[in-house]
């Protein structure tokens, strides 16, 4: 997809934050895909139990394992809210979301602080 698609997704996310449909604070990376956009919610700034989050994020990726259950539940709810916010702005396109401990910064990705 184009940078316009990425910018549209960013505007939709920001509007959802202003409307309090998506919590403010997290940093997201919006990546264009062949069929739409993929949003990666980065660990920095996510409003969860700090001790659990820090322990998971600070563990080297090769040793990290699965996200703790409490974080998984919160992460899924946040991703669902992001998808609901973006989908109407990008009808017919794919919108996906997941979590990452660190930014990957692939080509075309835009990082946004909510």
PDB file of N, CA and C in Angstrom:
ATOM      1  N   UNK A   1       0.833  -1.174   0.000  1.00  0.00           N
ATOM      2  CA  UNK A   1       0.000   0.000   0.000  1.00  0.00           C
ATOM      3  C   UNK A   1       0.884   1.246   0.000  1.00  0.00           C
ATOM      4  N   UNK A   2       0.263   2.369  -0.050  1.00  0.00           N
ATOM      5  CA  UNK A   2       0.995   3.627  -0.169  1.00  0.00           C
ATOM      6  C   UNK A   2       1.177   4.304   1.185  1.00  0.00           C
ATOM      7  N   UNK A   3       1.978   5.350   1.166  1.00  0.00           N
ATOM      8  CA  UNK A   3       2.144   6.154   2.376  1.00  0.00           C
ATOM      9  C   UNK A   3       0.822   6.824   2.739  1.00  0.00           C
ATOM     10  N   UNK A   4      -0.032   7.099   1.729  1.00  0.00           N
ATOM     11  CA  UNK A   4      -1.349   7.673   2.021  1.00  0.00           C
ATOM     12  C   UNK A   4      -2.149   6.742   2.924  1.00  0.00           C
ATOM     13  N   UNK A   5      -2.054   5.445   2.676  1.00  0.00           N
ATOM     14  CA  UNK A   5      -2.751   4.464   3.500  1.00  0.00           C
ATOM     15  C   UNK A   5      -2.231   4.521   4.934  1.00  0.00           C
ATOM     16  N   UNK A   6      -0.921   4.611   5.071  1.00  0.00           N
ATOM     17  CA  UNK A   6      -0.308   4.700   6.391  1.00  0.00           C
ATOM     18  C   UNK A   6      -0.752   5.973   7.111  1.00  0.00           C
ATOM     19  N   UNK A   7      -0.752   7.088   6.390  1.00  0.00           N
ATOM     20  CA  UNK A   7      -1.170   8.369   6.989  1.00  0.00           C
ATOM     21  C   UNK A   7      -2.647   8.328   7.386  1.00  0.00           C
ATOM     22  N   UNK A   8      -3.488   7.704   6.558  1.00  0.00           N
ATOM     23  CA  UNK A   8      -4.912   7.571   6.884  1.00  0.00           C
ATOM     24  C   UNK A   8      -5.083   6.768   8.165  1.00  0.00           C
ATOM     25  N   UNK A   9      -4.319   5.690   8.299  1.00  0.00           N
ATOM     26  CA  UNK A   9      -4.382   4.871   9.514  1.00  0.00           C
ATOM     27  C   UNK A   9      -3.954   5.684  10.730  1.00  0.00           C
ATOM     28  N   UNK A  10      -2.890   6.468  10.584  1.00  0.00           N
ATOM     29  CA  UNK A  10      -2.428   7.301  11.697  1.00  0.00           C
ATOM     30  C   UNK A  10      -3.501   8.299  12.116  1.00  0.00           C
ATOM     31  N   UNK A  11      -4.130   8.945  11.141  1.00  0.00           N
ATOM     32  CA  UNK A  11      -5.191   9.912  11.464  1.00  0.00           C
ATOM     33  C   UNK A  11      -6.349   9.229  12.182  1.00  0.00           C
ATOM     34  N   UNK A  12      -6.707   8.027  11.739  1.00  0.00           N
ATOM     35  CA  UNK A  12      -7.807   7.291  12.373  1.00  0.00           C
ATOM     36  C   UNK A  12      -7.465   6.933  13.816  1.00  0.00           C
ATOM     37  N   UNK A  13      -6.220   6.538  14.051  1.00  0.00           N
ATOM     38  CA  UNK A  13      -5.797   6.199  15.415  1.00  0.00           C
ATOM     39  C   UNK A  13      -5.837   7.446  16.299  1.00  0.00           C
ATOM     40  N   UNK A  14      -5.306   8.548  15.791  1.00  0.00           N
ATOM     41  CA  UNK A  14      -5.309   9.793  16.582  1.00  0.00           C
ATOM     42  C   UNK A  14      -6.733  10.246  16.909  1.00  0.00           C
ATOM     43  N   UNK A  15      -7.635  10.121  15.931  1.00  0.00           N
ATOM     44  CA  UNK A  15      -9.039  10.492  16.167  1.00  0.00           C
ATOM     45  C   UNK A  15      -9.649   9.599  17.244  1.00  0.00           C
ATOM     46  N   UNK A  16      -9.303   8.311  17.222  1.00  0.00           N
ATOM     47  CA  UNK A  16      -9.822   7.380  18.228  1.00  0.00           C
ATOM     48  C   UNK A  16      -9.285   7.717  19.618  1.00  0.00           C
ATOM     49  N   UNK A  17      -8.047   8.182  19.702  1.00  0.00           N
ATOM     50  CA  UNK A  17      -7.483   8.601  20.989  1.00  0.00           C
ATOM     51  C   UNK A  17      -8.244   9.820  21.499  1.00  0.00           C
ATOM     52  N   UNK A  18      -8.473  10.793  20.616  1.00  0.00           N
ATOM     53  CA  UNK A  18      -9.213  12.001  21.019  1.00  0.00           C
ATOM     54  C   UNK A  18     -10.626  11.661  21.474  1.00  0.00           C
ATOM     55  N   UNK A  19     -11.235  10.661  20.828  1.00  0.00           N
ATOM     56  CA  UNK A  19     -12.592  10.235  21.189  1.00  0.00           C
ATOM     57  C   UNK A  19     -12.586   9.259  22.363  1.00  0.00           C
ATOM     58  N   UNK A  20     -11.400   8.986  22.906  1.00  0.00           N
ATOM     59  CA  UNK A  20     -11.212   8.069  24.033  1.00  0.00           C
ATOM     60  C   UNK A  20     -11.666   6.645  23.718  1.00  0.00           C
ATOM     61  N   UNK A  21     -11.551   6.254  22.452  1.00  0.00           N
ATOM     62  CA  UNK A  21     -11.843   4.880  22.045  1.00  0.00           C
ATOM     63  C   UNK A  21     -10.581   4.023  22.122  1.00  0.00           C
ATOM     64  N   UNK A  22      -9.435   4.688  22.124  1.00  0.00           N
ATOM     65  CA  UNK A  22      -8.132   4.042  22.241  1.00  0.00           C
ATOM     66  C   UNK A  22      -7.367   4.814  23.311  1.00  0.00           C
ATOM     67  N   UNK A  23      -6.767   4.115  24.295  1.00  0.00           N
ATOM     68  CA  UNK A  23      -6.035   4.820  25.350  1.00  0.00           C
ATOM     69  C   UNK A  23      -4.829   5.590  24.806  1.00  0.00           C
ATOM     70  N   UNK A  24      -4.593   6.754  25.357  1.00  0.00           N
ATOM     71  CA  UNK A  24      -3.407   7.531  24.997  1.00  0.00           C
ATOM     72  C   UNK A  24      -2.197   6.948  25.715  1.00  0.00           C
ATOM     73  N   UNK A  25      -1.022   7.210  25.198  1.00  0.00           N
ATOM     74  CA  UNK A  25       0.198   6.804  25.876  1.00  0.00           C
ATOM     75  C   UNK A  25       1.094   5.887  25.073  1.00  0.00           C
ATOM     76  N   UNK A  26       0.571   4.785  24.526  1.00  0.00           N
ATOM     77  CA  UNK A  26       1.453   3.869  23.810  1.00  0.00           C
ATOM     78  C   UNK A  26       2.041   4.480  22.543  1.00  0.00           C
ATOM     79  N   UNK A  27       3.096   3.881  22.081  1.00  0.00           N
ATOM     80  CA  UNK A  27       3.705   4.241  20.808  1.00  0.00           C
ATOM     81  C   UNK A  27       3.375   3.113  19.845  1.00  0.00           C
ATOM     82  N   UNK A  28       2.931   3.489  18.652  1.00  0.00           N
ATOM     83  CA  UNK A  28       2.621   2.480  17.649  1.00  0.00           C
ATOM     84  C   UNK A  28       3.452   2.736  16.404  1.00  0.00           C
ATOM     85  N   UNK A  29       3.740   1.661  15.715  1.00  0.00           N
ATOM     86  CA  UNK A  29       4.434   1.726  14.442  1.00  0.00           C
ATOM     87  C   UNK A  29       3.419   1.271  13.395  1.00  0.00           C
ATOM     88  N   UNK A  30       3.131   2.116  12.420  1.00  0.00           N
ATOM     89  CA  UNK A  30       2.167   1.784  11.375  1.00  0.00           C
ATOM     90  C   UNK A  30       2.960   1.411  10.128  1.00  0.00           C
ATOM     91  N   UNK A  31       2.792   0.162   9.703  1.00  0.00           N
ATOM     92  CA  UNK A  31       3.559  -0.357   8.570  1.00  0.00           C
ATOM     93  C   UNK A  31       2.632  -0.632   7.392  1.00  0.00           C
ATOM     94  N   UNK A  32       3.003  -0.176   6.214  1.00  0.00           N
ATOM     95  CA  UNK A  32       2.204  -0.533   5.042  1.00  0.00           C
ATOM     96  C   UNK A  32       2.427  -2.006   4.696  1.00  0.00           C
ATOM     97  N   UNK A  33       1.385  -2.657   4.223  1.00  0.00           N
ATOM     98  CA  UNK A  33       1.496  -4.031   3.728  1.00  0.00           C
ATOM     99  C   UNK A  33       0.949  -4.045   2.306  1.00  0.00           C
ATOM    100  N   UNK A  34       1.033  -5.172   1.639  1.00  0.00           N
ATOM    101  CA  UNK A  34       0.506  -5.269   0.273  1.00  0.00           C
ATOM    102  C   UNK A  34      -1.000  -5.107   0.237  1.00  0.00           C
ATOM    103  N   UNK A  35      -1.670  -5.441   1.344  1.00  0.00           N
ATOM    104  CA  UNK A  35      -3.136  -5.421   1.345  1.00  0.00           C
ATOM    105  C   UNK A  35      -3.745  -4.405   2.301  1.00  0.00           C
ATOM    106  N   UNK A  36      -2.919  -3.577   2.959  1.00  0.00           N
ATOM    107  CA  UNK A  36      -3.459  -2.611   3.917  1.00  0.00           C
ATOM    108  C   UNK A  36      -2.385  -2.087   4.837  1.00  0.00           C
ATOM    109  N   UNK A  37      -2.626  -2.199   6.143  1.00  0.00           N
ATOM    110  CA  UNK A  37      -1.641  -1.740   7.129  1.00  0.00           C
ATOM    111  C   UNK A  37      -1.530  -2.744   8.271  1.00  0.00           C
ATOM    112  N   UNK A  38      -0.363  -2.736   8.886  1.00  0.00           N
ATOM    113  CA  UNK A  38      -0.120  -3.547  10.074  1.00  0.00           C
ATOM    114  C   UNK A  38       0.356  -2.594  11.158  1.00  0.00           C
ATOM    115  N   UNK A  39      -0.290  -2.621  12.305  1.00  0.00           N
ATOM    116  CA  UNK A  39       0.070  -1.754  13.423  1.00  0.00           C
ATOM    117  C   UNK A  39       0.785  -2.601  14.464  1.00  0.00           C
ATOM    118  N   UNK A  40       1.944  -2.130  14.880  1.00  0.00           N
ATOM    119  CA  UNK A  40       2.689  -2.789  15.944  1.00  0.00           C
ATOM    120  C   UNK A  40       2.695  -1.847  17.138  1.00  0.00           C
ATOM    121  N   UNK A  41       2.127  -2.298  18.241  1.00  0.00           N
ATOM    122  CA  UNK A  41       2.116  -1.509  19.470  1.00  0.00           C
ATOM    123  C   UNK A  41       3.409  -1.830  20.211  1.00  0.00           C
ATOM    124  N   UNK A  42       4.194  -0.794  20.470  1.00  0.00           N
ATOM    125  CA  UNK A  42       5.491  -0.994  21.103  1.00  0.00           C
ATOM    126  C   UNK A  42       5.366  -0.955  22.619  1.00  0.00           C
ATOM    127  N   UNK A  43       6.235  -1.663  23.270  1.00  0.00           N
ATOM    128  CA  UNK A  43       6.177  -1.792  24.724  1.00  0.00           C
ATOM    129  C   UNK A  43       6.292  -0.459  25.445  1.00  0.00           C
ATOM    130  N   UNK A  44       7.087   0.451  24.913  1.00  0.00           N
ATOM    131  CA  UNK A  44       7.313   1.711  25.628  1.00  0.00           C
ATOM    132  C   UNK A  44       6.009   2.491  25.790  1.00  0.00           C
ATOM    133  N   UNK A  45       5.712   2.819  27.008  1.00  0.00           N
ATOM    134  CA  UNK A  45       4.546   3.650  27.275  1.00  0.00           C
ATOM    135  C   UNK A  45       3.227   2.919  27.398  1.00  0.00           C
ATOM    136  N   UNK A  46       3.206   1.595  27.213  1.00  0.00           N
ATOM    137  CA  UNK A  46       1.925   0.907  27.293  1.00  0.00           C
ATOM    138  C   UNK A  46       1.465   0.850  28.745  1.00  0.00           C
ATOM    139  N   UNK A  47       0.211   1.227  29.014  1.00  0.00           N
ATOM    140  CA  UNK A  47      -0.277   1.333  30.399  1.00  0.00           C
ATOM    141  C   UNK A  47      -0.651  -0.016  31.020  1.00  0.00           C
ATOM    142  N   UNK A  48       0.360  -0.758  31.423  1.00  0.00           N
ATOM    143  CA  UNK A  48       0.114  -2.061  32.052  1.00  0.00           C
ATOM    144  C   UNK A  48       0.917  -2.146  33.339  1.00  0.00           C
ATOM    145  N   UNK A  49       0.822  -3.282  33.996  1.00  0.00           N
ATOM    146  CA  UNK A  49       1.575  -3.502  35.230  1.00  0.00           C
ATOM    147  C   UNK A  49       3.073  -3.358  34.917  1.00  0.00           C
ATOM    148  N   UNK A  50       3.710  -2.308  35.409  1.00  0.00           N
ATOM    149  CA  UNK A  50       5.089  -2.018  35.007  1.00  0.00           C
ATOM    150  C   UNK A  50       6.091  -3.133  35.275  1.00  0.00           C
ATOM    151  N   UNK A  51       5.979  -3.791  36.417  1.00  0.00           N
ATOM    152  CA  UNK A  51       6.955  -4.818  36.767  1.00  0.00           C
ATOM    153  C   UNK A  51       6.916  -5.979  35.769  1.00  0.00           C
ATOM    154  N   UNK A  52       5.715  -6.473  35.487  1.00  0.00           N
ATOM    155  CA  UNK A  52       5.586  -7.580  34.534  1.00  0.00           C
ATOM    156  C   UNK A  52       6.079  -7.171  33.155  1.00  0.00           C
ATOM    157  N   UNK A  53       5.663  -5.980  32.749  1.00  0.00           N
ATOM    158  CA  UNK A  53       6.011  -5.514  31.404  1.00  0.00           C
ATOM    159  C   UNK A  53       7.524  -5.359  31.280  1.00  0.00           C
ATOM    160  N   UNK A  54       8.141  -4.688  32.257  1.00  0.00           N
ATOM    161  CA  UNK A  54       9.582  -4.457  32.220  1.00  0.00           C
ATOM    162  C   UNK A  54      10.346  -5.775  32.208  1.00  0.00           C
ATOM    163  N   UNK A  55       9.907  -6.723  33.004  1.00  0.00           N
ATOM    164  CA  UNK A  55      10.590  -8.018  33.052  1.00  0.00           C
ATOM    165  C   UNK A  55      10.533  -8.706  31.692  1.00  0.00           C
ATOM    166  N   UNK A  56       9.388  -8.633  31.029  1.00  0.00           N
ATOM    167  CA  UNK A  56       9.239  -9.284  29.723  1.00  0.00           C
ATOM    168  C   UNK A  56      10.044  -8.549  28.656  1.00  0.00           C
ATOM    169  N   UNK A  57       9.949  -7.216  28.643  1.00  0.00           N
ATOM    170  CA  UNK A  57      10.633  -6.408  27.632  1.00  0.00           C
ATOM    171  C   UNK A  57      12.143  -6.499  27.778  1.00  0.00           C
ATOM    172  N   UNK A  58      12.634  -6.495  29.010  1.00  0.00           N
ATOM    173  CA  UNK A  58      14.071  -6.457  29.243  1.00  0.00           C
ATOM    174  C   UNK A  58      14.764  -7.803  29.072  1.00  0.00           C
ATOM    175  N   UNK A  59      13.996  -8.859  28.946  1.00  0.00           N
ATOM    176  CA  UNK A  59      14.577 -10.177  28.698  1.00  0.00           C
ATOM    177  C   UNK A  59      15.023 -10.242  27.234  1.00  0.00           C
ATOM    178  N   UNK A  60      16.209 -10.774  26.945  1.00  0.00           N
ATOM    179  CA  UNK A  60      16.641 -10.884  25.550  1.00  0.00           C
ATOM    180  C   UNK A  60      15.601 -11.658  24.720  1.00  0.00           C
ATOM    181  N   UNK A  61      15.338 -11.215  23.486  1.00  0.00           N
ATOM    182  CA  UNK A  61      14.304 -11.849  22.658  1.00  0.00           C
ATOM    183  C   UNK A  61      14.423 -13.366  22.558  1.00  0.00           C
ATOM    184  N   UNK A  62      15.650 -13.881  22.490  1.00  0.00           N
ATOM    185  CA  UNK A  62      15.822 -15.330  22.359  1.00  0.00           C
ATOM    186  C   UNK A  62      15.393 -16.084  23.615  1.00  0.00           C
ATOM    187  N   UNK A  63      15.275 -15.374  24.751  1.00  0.00           N
ATOM    188  CA  UNK A  63      14.894 -16.002  26.015  1.00  0.00           C
ATOM    189  C   UNK A  63      13.533 -15.538  26.518  1.00  0.00           C
ATOM    190  N   UNK A  64      12.880 -14.654  25.772  1.00  0.00           N
ATOM    191  CA  UNK A  64      11.686 -13.972  26.269  1.00  0.00           C
ATOM    192  C   UNK A  64      10.491 -14.897  26.454  1.00  0.00           C
ATOM    193  N   UNK A  65      10.221 -15.764  25.522  1.00  0.00           N
ATOM    194  CA  UNK A  65       9.037 -16.611  25.628  1.00  0.00           C
ATOM    195  C   UNK A  65       7.764 -15.821  25.386  1.00  0.00           C
ATOM    196  N   UNK A  66       6.639 -16.412  25.725  1.00  0.00           N
ATOM    197  CA  UNK A  66       5.347 -15.777  25.499  1.00  0.00           C
ATOM    198  C   UNK A  66       5.124 -14.621  26.466  1.00  0.00           C
ATOM    199  N   UNK A  67       4.306 -13.684  26.028  1.00  0.00           N
ATOM    200  CA  UNK A  67       3.928 -12.558  26.881  1.00  0.00           C
ATOM    201  C   UNK A  67       3.143 -13.100  28.076  1.00  0.00           C
ATOM    202  N   UNK A  68       3.350 -12.554  29.283  1.00  0.00           N
ATOM    203  CA  UNK A  68       2.576 -12.998  30.447  1.00  0.00           C
ATOM    204  C   UNK A  68       1.069 -12.862  30.185  1.00  0.00           C
ATOM    205  N   UNK A  69       0.247 -13.784  30.723  1.00  0.00           N
ATOM    206  CA  UNK A  69      -1.193 -13.784  30.443  1.00  0.00           C
ATOM    207  C   UNK A  69      -1.898 -12.453  30.692  1.00  0.00           C
ATOM    208  N   UNK A  70      -1.573 -11.763  31.777  1.00  0.00           N
ATOM    209  CA  UNK A  70      -2.240 -10.481  32.052  1.00  0.00           C
ATOM    210  C   UNK A  70      -1.939  -9.469  30.957  1.00  0.00           C
ATOM    211  N   UNK A  71      -0.726  -9.496  30.456  1.00  0.00           N
ATOM    212  CA  UNK A  71      -0.356  -8.577  29.385  1.00  0.00           C
ATOM    213  C   UNK A  71      -1.000  -8.982  28.073  1.00  0.00           C
ATOM    214  N   UNK A  72      -1.094 -10.277  27.826  1.00  0.00           N
ATOM    215  CA  UNK A  72      -1.720 -10.760  26.595  1.00  0.00           C
ATOM    216  C   UNK A  72      -3.158 -10.278  26.503  1.00  0.00           C
ATOM    217  N   UNK A  73      -3.897 -10.355  27.596  1.00  0.00           N
ATOM    218  CA  UNK A  73      -5.295  -9.912  27.616  1.00  0.00           C
ATOM    219  C   UNK A  73      -5.386  -8.422  27.314  1.00  0.00           C
ATOM    220  N   UNK A  74      -4.554  -7.624  27.968  1.00  0.00           N
ATOM    221  CA  UNK A  74      -4.564  -6.182  27.736  1.00  0.00           C
ATOM    222  C   UNK A  74      -4.111  -5.846  26.319  1.00  0.00           C
ATOM    223  N   UNK A  75      -3.100  -6.548  25.846  1.00  0.00           N
ATOM    224  CA  UNK A  75      -2.588  -6.302  24.502  1.00  0.00           C
ATOM    225  C   UNK A  75      -3.651  -6.608  23.452  1.00  0.00           C
ATOM    226  N   UNK A  76      -4.356  -7.714  23.611  1.00  0.00           N
ATOM    227  CA  UNK A  76      -5.391  -8.081  22.644  1.00  0.00           C
ATOM    228  C   UNK A  76      -6.520  -7.058  22.635  1.00  0.00           C
ATOM    229  N   UNK A  77      -6.933  -6.605  23.801  1.00  0.00           N
ATOM    230  CA  UNK A  77      -7.997  -5.600  23.875  1.00  0.00           C
ATOM    231  C   UNK A  77      -7.560  -4.296  23.210  1.00  0.00           C
ATOM    232  N   UNK A  78      -6.309  -3.916  23.416  1.00  0.00           N
ATOM    233  CA  UNK A  78      -5.804  -2.694  22.802  1.00  0.00           C
ATOM    234  C   UNK A  78      -5.745  -2.839  21.284  1.00  0.00           C
ATOM    235  N   UNK A  79      -5.235  -3.974  20.803  1.00  0.00           N
ATOM    236  CA  UNK A  79      -5.173  -4.206  19.355  1.00  0.00           C
ATOM    237  C   UNK A  79      -6.572  -4.218  18.743  1.00  0.00           C
ATOM    238  N   UNK A  80      -7.519  -4.822  19.417  1.00  0.00           N
ATOM    239  CA  UNK A  80      -8.899  -4.827  18.910  1.00  0.00           C
ATOM    240  C   UNK A  80      -9.423  -3.402  18.765  1.00  0.00           C
ATOM    241  N   UNK A  81      -9.119  -2.541  19.738  1.00  0.00           N
ATOM    242  CA  UNK A  81      -9.558  -1.139  19.674  1.00  0.00           C
ATOM    243  C   UNK A  81      -8.886  -0.406  18.514  1.00  0.00           C
ATOM    244  N   UNK A  82      -7.614  -0.678  18.290  1.00  0.00           N
ATOM    245  CA  UNK A  82      -6.885  -0.067  17.170  1.00  0.00           C
ATOM    246  C   UNK A  82      -7.522  -0.483  15.846  1.00  0.00           C
ATOM    247  N   UNK A  83      -7.797  -1.769  15.691  1.00  0.00           N
ATOM    248  CA  UNK A  83      -8.389  -2.271  14.445  1.00  0.00           C
ATOM    249  C   UNK A  83      -9.757  -1.644  14.225  1.00  0.00           C
ATOM    250  N   UNK A  84     -10.578  -1.579  15.274  1.00  0.00           N
ATOM    251  CA  UNK A  84     -11.905  -0.949  15.146  1.00  0.00           C
ATOM    252  C   UNK A  84     -11.785   0.515  14.742  1.00  0.00           C
ATOM    253  N   UNK A  85     -10.750   1.190  15.205  1.00  0.00           N
ATOM    254  CA  UNK A  85     -10.558   2.605  14.878  1.00  0.00           C
ATOM    255  C   UNK A  85     -10.146   2.807  13.419  1.00  0.00           C
ATOM    256  N   UNK A  86      -9.301   1.935  12.914  1.00  0.00           N
ATOM    257  CA  UNK A  86      -8.750   2.110  11.567  1.00  0.00           C
ATOM    258  C   UNK A  86      -9.654   1.565  10.471  1.00  0.00           C
ATOM    259  N   UNK A  87     -10.295   0.429  10.709  1.00  0.00           N
ATOM    260  CA  UNK A  87     -11.022  -0.273   9.651  1.00  0.00           C
ATOM    261  C   UNK A  87     -12.009   0.611   8.880  1.00  0.00           C
ATOM    262  N   UNK A  88     -12.833   1.445   9.541  1.00  0.00           N
ATOM    263  CA  UNK A  88     -13.764   2.282   8.772  1.00  0.00           C
ATOM    264  C   UNK A  88     -13.059   3.282   7.845  1.00  0.00           C
ATOM    265  N   UNK A  89     -11.849   3.691   8.199  1.00  0.00           N
ATOM    266  CA  UNK A  89     -11.102   4.645   7.376  1.00  0.00           C
ATOM    267  C   UNK A  89     -10.443   3.981   6.171  1.00  0.00           C
ATOM    268  N   UNK A  90     -10.306   2.662   6.234  1.00  0.00           N
ATOM    269  CA  UNK A  90      -9.666   1.915   5.149  1.00  0.00           C
ATOM    270  C   UNK A  90     -10.567   0.761   4.710  1.00  0.00           C
ATOM    271  N   UNK A  91     -11.764   1.067   4.200  1.00  0.00           N
ATOM    272  CA  UNK A  91     -12.693  -0.006   3.832  1.00  0.00           C
ATOM    273  C   UNK A  91     -12.105  -0.919   2.758  1.00  0.00           C
ATOM    274  N   UNK A  92     -12.282  -2.208   2.980  1.00  0.00           N
ATOM    275  CA  UNK A  92     -11.810  -3.199   2.021  1.00  0.00           C
ATOM    276  C   UNK A  92     -10.343  -3.551   2.141  1.00  0.00           C
ATOM    277  N   UNK A  93      -9.615  -2.877   3.020  1.00  0.00           N
ATOM    278  CA  UNK A  93      -8.202  -3.179   3.197  1.00  0.00           C
ATOM    279  C   UNK A  93      -7.990  -3.965   4.486  1.00  0.00           C
ATOM    280  N   UNK A  94      -6.896  -4.668   4.532  1.00  0.00           N
ATOM    281  CA  UNK A  94      -6.551  -5.468   5.702  1.00  0.00           C
ATOM    282  C   UNK A  94      -5.926  -4.576   6.775  1.00  0.00           C
ATOM    283  N   UNK A  95      -6.401  -4.729   8.013  1.00  0.00           N
ATOM    284  CA  UNK A  95      -5.816  -4.023   9.155  1.00  0.00           C
ATOM    285  C   UNK A  95      -5.485  -5.076  10.205  1.00  0.00           C
ATOM    286  N   UNK A  96      -4.213  -5.201  10.537  1.00  0.00           N
ATOM    287  CA  UNK A  96      -3.784  -6.166  11.545  1.00  0.00           C
ATOM    288  C   UNK A  96      -2.989  -5.430  12.621  1.00  0.00           C
ATOM    289  N   UNK A  97      -2.839  -6.076  13.765  1.00  0.00           N
ATOM    290  CA  UNK A  97      -2.172  -5.434  14.897  1.00  0.00           C
ATOM    291  C   UNK A  97      -1.529  -6.494  15.778  1.00  0.00           C
ATOM    292  N   UNK A  98      -0.346  -6.181  16.306  1.00  0.00           N
ATOM    293  CA  UNK A  98       0.259  -7.034  17.321  1.00  0.00           C
ATOM    294  C   UNK A  98       1.182  -6.194  18.199  1.00  0.00           C
ATOM    295  N   UNK A  99       1.846  -6.851  19.139  1.00  0.00           N
ATOM    296  CA  UNK A  99       2.719  -6.183  20.100  1.00  0.00           C
ATOM    297  C   UNK A  99       4.164  -6.566  19.867  1.00  0.00           C
ATOM    298  N   UNK A 100       5.061  -5.648  20.196  1.00  0.00           N
ATOM    299  CA  UNK A 100       6.483  -5.926  20.102  1.00  0.00           C
ATOM    300  C   UNK A 100       7.199  -5.207  21.240  1.00  0.00           C
ATOM    301  N   UNK A 101       8.269  -5.787  21.690  1.00  0.00           N
ATOM    302  CA  UNK A 101       9.050  -5.155  22.750  1.00  0.00           C
ATOM    303  C   UNK A 101       9.837  -3.960  22.225  1.00  0.00           C
ATOM    304  N   UNK A 102      10.222  -4.002  20.972  1.00  0.00           N
ATOM    305  CA  UNK A 102      11.052  -2.942  20.411  1.00  0.00           C
ATOM    306  C   UNK A 102      10.619  -2.625  18.981  1.00  0.00           C
ATOM    307  N   UNK A 103      10.927  -1.412  18.539  1.00  0.00           N
ATOM    308  CA  UNK A 103      10.610  -0.994  17.173  1.00  0.00           C
ATOM    309  C   UNK A 103      11.504  -1.728  16.186  1.00  0.00           C
ATOM    310  N   UNK A 104      10.919  -2.143  15.089  1.00  0.00           N
ATOM    311  CA  UNK A 104      11.689  -2.791  14.034  1.00  0.00           C
ATOM    312  C   UNK A 104      12.091  -1.775  12.969  1.00  0.00           C
ATOM    313  N   UNK A 105      11.284  -0.733  12.816  1.00  0.00           N
ATOM    314  CA  UNK A 105      11.524   0.329  11.843  1.00  0.00           C
ATOM    315  C   UNK A 105      11.792  -0.176  10.428  1.00  0.00           C
ATOM    316  N   UNK A 106      10.914  -1.037   9.891  1.00  0.00           N
ATOM    317  CA  UNK A 106      11.117  -1.467   8.510  1.00  0.00           C
ATOM    318  C   UNK A 106      10.851  -0.302   7.556  1.00  0.00           C
ATOM    319  N   UNK A 107      11.262  -0.457   6.319  1.00  0.00           N
ATOM    320  CA  UNK A 107      11.050   0.587   5.317  1.00  0.00           C
ATOM    321  C   UNK A 107       9.572   0.950   5.240  1.00  0.00           C
ATOM    322  N   UNK A 108       9.293   2.222   5.248  1.00  0.00           N
ATOM    323  CA  UNK A 108       7.918   2.692   5.119  1.00  0.00           C
ATOM    324  C   UNK A 108       7.151   2.786   6.418  1.00  0.00           C
ATOM    325  N   UNK A 109       7.718   2.312   7.523  1.00  0.00           N
ATOM    326  CA  UNK A 109       7.006   2.350   8.810  1.00  0.00           C
ATOM    327  C   UNK A 109       7.037   3.759   9.376  1.00  0.00           C
ATOM    328  N   UNK A 110       5.967   4.125  10.046  1.00  0.00           N
ATOM    329  CA  UNK A 110       5.856   5.430  10.698  1.00  0.00           C
ATOM    330  C   UNK A 110       5.571   5.176  12.173  1.00  0.00           C
ATOM    331  N   UNK A 111       6.337   5.780  13.052  1.00  0.00           N
ATOM    332  CA  UNK A 111       6.131   5.615  14.488  1.00  0.00           C
ATOM    333  C   UNK A 111       5.342   6.806  15.021  1.00  0.00           C
ATOM    334  N   UNK A 112       4.314   6.529  15.815  1.00  0.00           N
ATOM    335  CA  UNK A 112       3.413   7.562  16.317  1.00  0.00           C
ATOM    336  C   UNK A 112       3.234   7.391  17.820  1.00  0.00           C
ATOM    337  N   UNK A 113       3.387   8.467  18.583  1.00  0.00           N
ATOM    338  CA  UNK A 113       3.093   8.452  20.029  1.00  0.00           C
ATOM    339  C   UNK A 113       1.638   8.831  20.196  1.00  0.00           C
ATOM    340  N   UNK A 114       0.844   7.984  20.841  1.00  0.00           N
ATOM    341  CA  UNK A 114      -0.582   8.263  21.013  1.00  0.00           C
ATOM    342  C   UNK A 114      -0.816   9.181  22.194  1.00  0.00           C
TER     343      UNK A 114
END
